[in-house]
Amino acid sequence: LGNGDATRYWRVDWSIAQSLNRVDTWGPGPSNSGDGMGESRIEFSDGTSVAGFCLLPNVHQTIEFSRKTGITWLRIVGVGAAAGNAGTNPGFREVRVYDVA
């Protein structure tokens, strides 16, 4: 995760455009409990974004949003460590992207 500064991100690219309306994330596991990310957002290839969630240690989150079509990449961005955490490797352990009917 990341680019070496205060803003850290993870990106996935698809060769075929996707439709999606949900992202599930799982925060870092017990061995990385200080490495959650605060102030997170999801950015999409169409220029839109979804914000207002944190990637907290040991927490599963479902982020739902209006259906997006023609998406060729998404990027999960976190700014710094989650509140109260001083982790040096902020991130998450799993991400799943869905188009739920």
C-alpha atoms as a PDB file:
ATOM      1  CA  LEU A   1       0.000   0.000   0.000  1.00  0.00           C
ATOM      2  CA  GLY A   2       1.131   3.492  -0.551  1.00  0.00           C
ATOM      3  CA  ASN A   3       3.494   5.771  -2.259  1.00  0.00           C
ATOM      4  CA  GLY A   4       5.794   6.730   0.607  1.00  0.00           C
ATOM      5  CA  ASP A   5       4.043   9.899   1.781  1.00  0.00           C
ATOM      6  CA  ALA A   6       1.089  10.585   4.111  1.00  0.00           C
ATOM      7  CA  THR A   7      -1.432   9.417   1.499  1.00  0.00           C
ATOM      8  CA  ARG A   8      -1.534   5.662   1.061  1.00  0.00           C
ATOM      9  CA  TYR A   9      -3.504   3.765  -1.533  1.00  0.00           C
ATOM     10  CA  TRP A  10      -4.204   0.451  -3.200  1.00  0.00           C
ATOM     11  CA  ARG A  11      -5.389   0.239  -6.814  1.00  0.00           C
ATOM     12  CA  VAL A  12      -6.875  -2.461  -9.019  1.00  0.00           C
ATOM     13  CA  ASP A  13      -7.218  -2.204 -12.823  1.00  0.00           C
ATOM     14  CA  TRP A  14      -9.514  -4.243 -15.074  1.00  0.00           C
ATOM     15  CA  SER A  15      -8.976  -4.823 -18.797  1.00  0.00           C
ATOM     16  CA  ILE A  16     -12.774  -5.116 -19.217  1.00  0.00           C
ATOM     17  CA  ALA A  17     -15.003  -2.351 -17.818  1.00  0.00           C
ATOM     18  CA  GLN A  18     -16.926  -3.339 -14.691  1.00  0.00           C
ATOM     19  CA  SER A  19     -20.251  -2.443 -13.105  1.00  0.00           C
ATOM     20  CA  LEU A  20     -20.192  -2.247  -9.324  1.00  0.00           C
ATOM     21  CA  ASN A  21     -22.080  -0.918  -6.321  1.00  0.00           C
ATOM     22  CA  ARG A  22     -20.388  -2.405  -3.258  1.00  0.00           C
ATOM     23  CA  VAL A  23     -16.905  -2.825  -1.797  1.00  0.00           C
ATOM     24  CA  ASP A  24     -16.173  -4.974   1.247  1.00  0.00           C
ATOM     25  CA  THR A  25     -12.956  -4.402   3.189  1.00  0.00           C
ATOM     26  CA  TRP A  26     -11.306  -6.173   6.099  1.00  0.00           C
ATOM     27  CA  GLY A  27      -8.885  -4.188   8.232  1.00  0.00           C
ATOM     28  CA  PRO A  28      -5.459  -5.484   9.252  1.00  0.00           C
ATOM     29  CA  GLY A  29      -5.452  -8.643  11.354  1.00  0.00           C
ATOM     30  CA  PRO A  30      -4.472  -9.000  15.018  1.00  0.00           C
ATOM     31  CA  SER A  31      -0.738  -8.997  14.331  1.00  0.00           C
ATOM     32  CA  ASN A  32      -1.087  -5.568  12.671  1.00  0.00           C
ATOM     33  CA  SER A  33      -3.666  -4.079  15.040  1.00  0.00           C
ATOM     34  CA  GLY A  34      -2.008  -0.650  14.998  1.00  0.00           C
ATOM     35  CA  ASP A  35      -2.035  -0.362  11.228  1.00  0.00           C
ATOM     36  CA  GLY A  36      -5.553   0.718  10.259  1.00  0.00           C
ATOM     37  CA  MET A  37      -6.144   3.686   7.964  1.00  0.00           C
ATOM     38  CA  GLY A  38      -8.266   6.699   8.870  1.00  0.00           C
ATOM     39  CA  GLU A  39     -10.220   9.024   6.561  1.00  0.00           C
ATOM     40  CA  SER A  40     -10.523   6.556   3.708  1.00  0.00           C
ATOM     41  CA  ARG A  41     -12.206   6.947   0.332  1.00  0.00           C
ATOM     42  CA  ILE A  42     -12.687   4.955  -2.855  1.00  0.00           C
ATOM     43  CA  GLU A  43     -11.870   6.682  -6.143  1.00  0.00           C
ATOM     44  CA  PHE A  44     -13.186   5.384  -9.469  1.00  0.00           C
ATOM     45  CA  SER A  45     -12.000   5.699 -13.058  1.00  0.00           C
ATOM     46  CA  ASP A  46     -15.087   7.800 -13.899  1.00  0.00           C
ATOM     47  CA  GLY A  47     -13.801  10.578 -11.607  1.00  0.00           C
ATOM     48  CA  THR A  48     -16.260   9.967  -8.757  1.00  0.00           C
ATOM     49  CA  SER A  49     -15.434   8.881  -5.217  1.00  0.00           C
ATOM     50  CA  VAL A  50     -17.044   7.514  -2.049  1.00  0.00           C
ATOM     51  CA  ALA A  51     -15.757   8.741   1.309  1.00  0.00           C
ATOM     52  CA  GLY A  52     -16.681   8.669   4.966  1.00  0.00           C
ATOM     53  CA  PHE A  53     -15.262   5.416   6.297  1.00  0.00           C
ATOM     54  CA  CYS A  54     -12.111   4.216   8.092  1.00  0.00           C
ATOM     55  CA  LEU A  55     -10.226   0.964   7.571  1.00  0.00           C
ATOM     56  CA  LEU A  56      -9.927  -0.154  11.188  1.00  0.00           C
ATOM     57  CA  PRO A  57      -7.972  -3.144  12.507  1.00  0.00           C
ATOM     58  CA  ASN A  58      -9.962  -6.393  12.703  1.00  0.00           C
ATOM     59  CA  VAL A  59     -13.106  -4.766  11.261  1.00  0.00           C
ATOM     60  CA  HIS A  60     -15.114  -5.884   8.217  1.00  0.00           C
ATOM     61  CA  GLN A  61     -16.934  -3.053   6.456  1.00  0.00           C
ATOM     62  CA  THR A  62     -19.387  -2.977   3.575  1.00  0.00           C
ATOM     63  CA  ILE A  63     -19.392   0.255   1.573  1.00  0.00           C
ATOM     64  CA  GLU A  64     -22.454   0.529  -0.661  1.00  0.00           C
ATOM     65  CA  PHE A  65     -23.048   3.216  -3.287  1.00  0.00           C
ATOM     66  CA  SER A  66     -25.102   3.939  -6.405  1.00  0.00           C
ATOM     67  CA  ARG A  67     -24.309   1.522  -9.218  1.00  0.00           C
ATOM     68  CA  LYS A  68     -21.401   2.592 -11.397  1.00  0.00           C
ATOM     69  CA  THR A  69     -20.836   1.295 -14.908  1.00  0.00           C
ATOM     70  CA  GLY A  70     -17.858   1.388 -17.241  1.00  0.00           C
ATOM     71  CA  ILE A  71     -15.341   1.337 -14.370  1.00  0.00           C
ATOM     72  CA  THR A  72     -11.824   0.283 -15.423  1.00  0.00           C
ATOM     73  CA  TRP A  73     -10.051   0.887 -12.098  1.00  0.00           C
ATOM     74  CA  LEU A  74     -10.665   1.752  -8.479  1.00  0.00           C
ATOM     75  CA  ARG A  75      -8.315   3.040  -5.851  1.00  0.00           C
ATOM     76  CA  ILE A  76      -8.758   2.857  -2.064  1.00  0.00           C
ATOM     77  CA  VAL A  77      -7.065   5.842  -0.475  1.00  0.00           C
ATOM     78  CA  GLY A  78      -6.293   6.366   3.205  1.00  0.00           C
ATOM     79  CA  VAL A  79      -4.699   9.405   4.776  1.00  0.00           C
ATOM     80  CA  GLY A  80      -2.432   8.494   7.705  1.00  0.00           C
ATOM     81  CA  ALA A  81      -3.092   5.974  10.452  1.00  0.00           C
ATOM     82  CA  ALA A  82      -6.498   5.506  12.053  1.00  0.00           C
ATOM     83  CA  ALA A  83      -7.185   7.589  15.151  1.00  0.00           C
ATOM     84  CA  GLY A  84      -5.283   6.220  18.120  1.00  0.00           C
ATOM     85  CA  ASN A  85      -3.124   3.975  15.963  1.00  0.00           C
ATOM     86  CA  ALA A  86       0.516   4.724  15.274  1.00  0.00           C
ATOM     87  CA  GLY A  87       1.091   1.908  12.806  1.00  0.00           C
ATOM     88  CA  THR A  88       3.895   2.235  10.299  1.00  0.00           C
ATOM     89  CA  ASN A  89       2.257   0.013   7.677  1.00  0.00           C
ATOM     90  CA  PRO A  90      -1.389   1.099   7.351  1.00  0.00           C
ATOM     91  CA  GLY A  91      -3.564  -1.036   5.168  1.00  0.00           C
ATOM     92  CA  PHE A  92      -6.076  -3.862   5.085  1.00  0.00           C
ATOM     93  CA  ARG A  93      -5.997  -7.591   4.529  1.00  0.00           C
ATOM     94  CA  GLU A  94      -8.764  -8.148   1.994  1.00  0.00           C
ATOM     95  CA  VAL A  95     -10.931  -6.267  -0.507  1.00  0.00           C
ATOM     96  CA  ARG A  96     -13.893  -7.581  -2.489  1.00  0.00           C
ATOM     97  CA  VAL A  97     -15.767  -5.656  -5.172  1.00  0.00           C
ATOM     98  CA  TYR A  98     -19.337  -6.506  -6.188  1.00  0.00           C
ATOM     99  CA  ASP A  99     -22.194  -5.620  -8.496  1.00  0.00           C
ATOM    100  CA  VAL A 100     -25.104  -6.664  -6.286  1.00  0.00           C
ATOM    101  CA  ALA A 101     -28.507  -6.803  -7.960  1.00  0.00           C
END
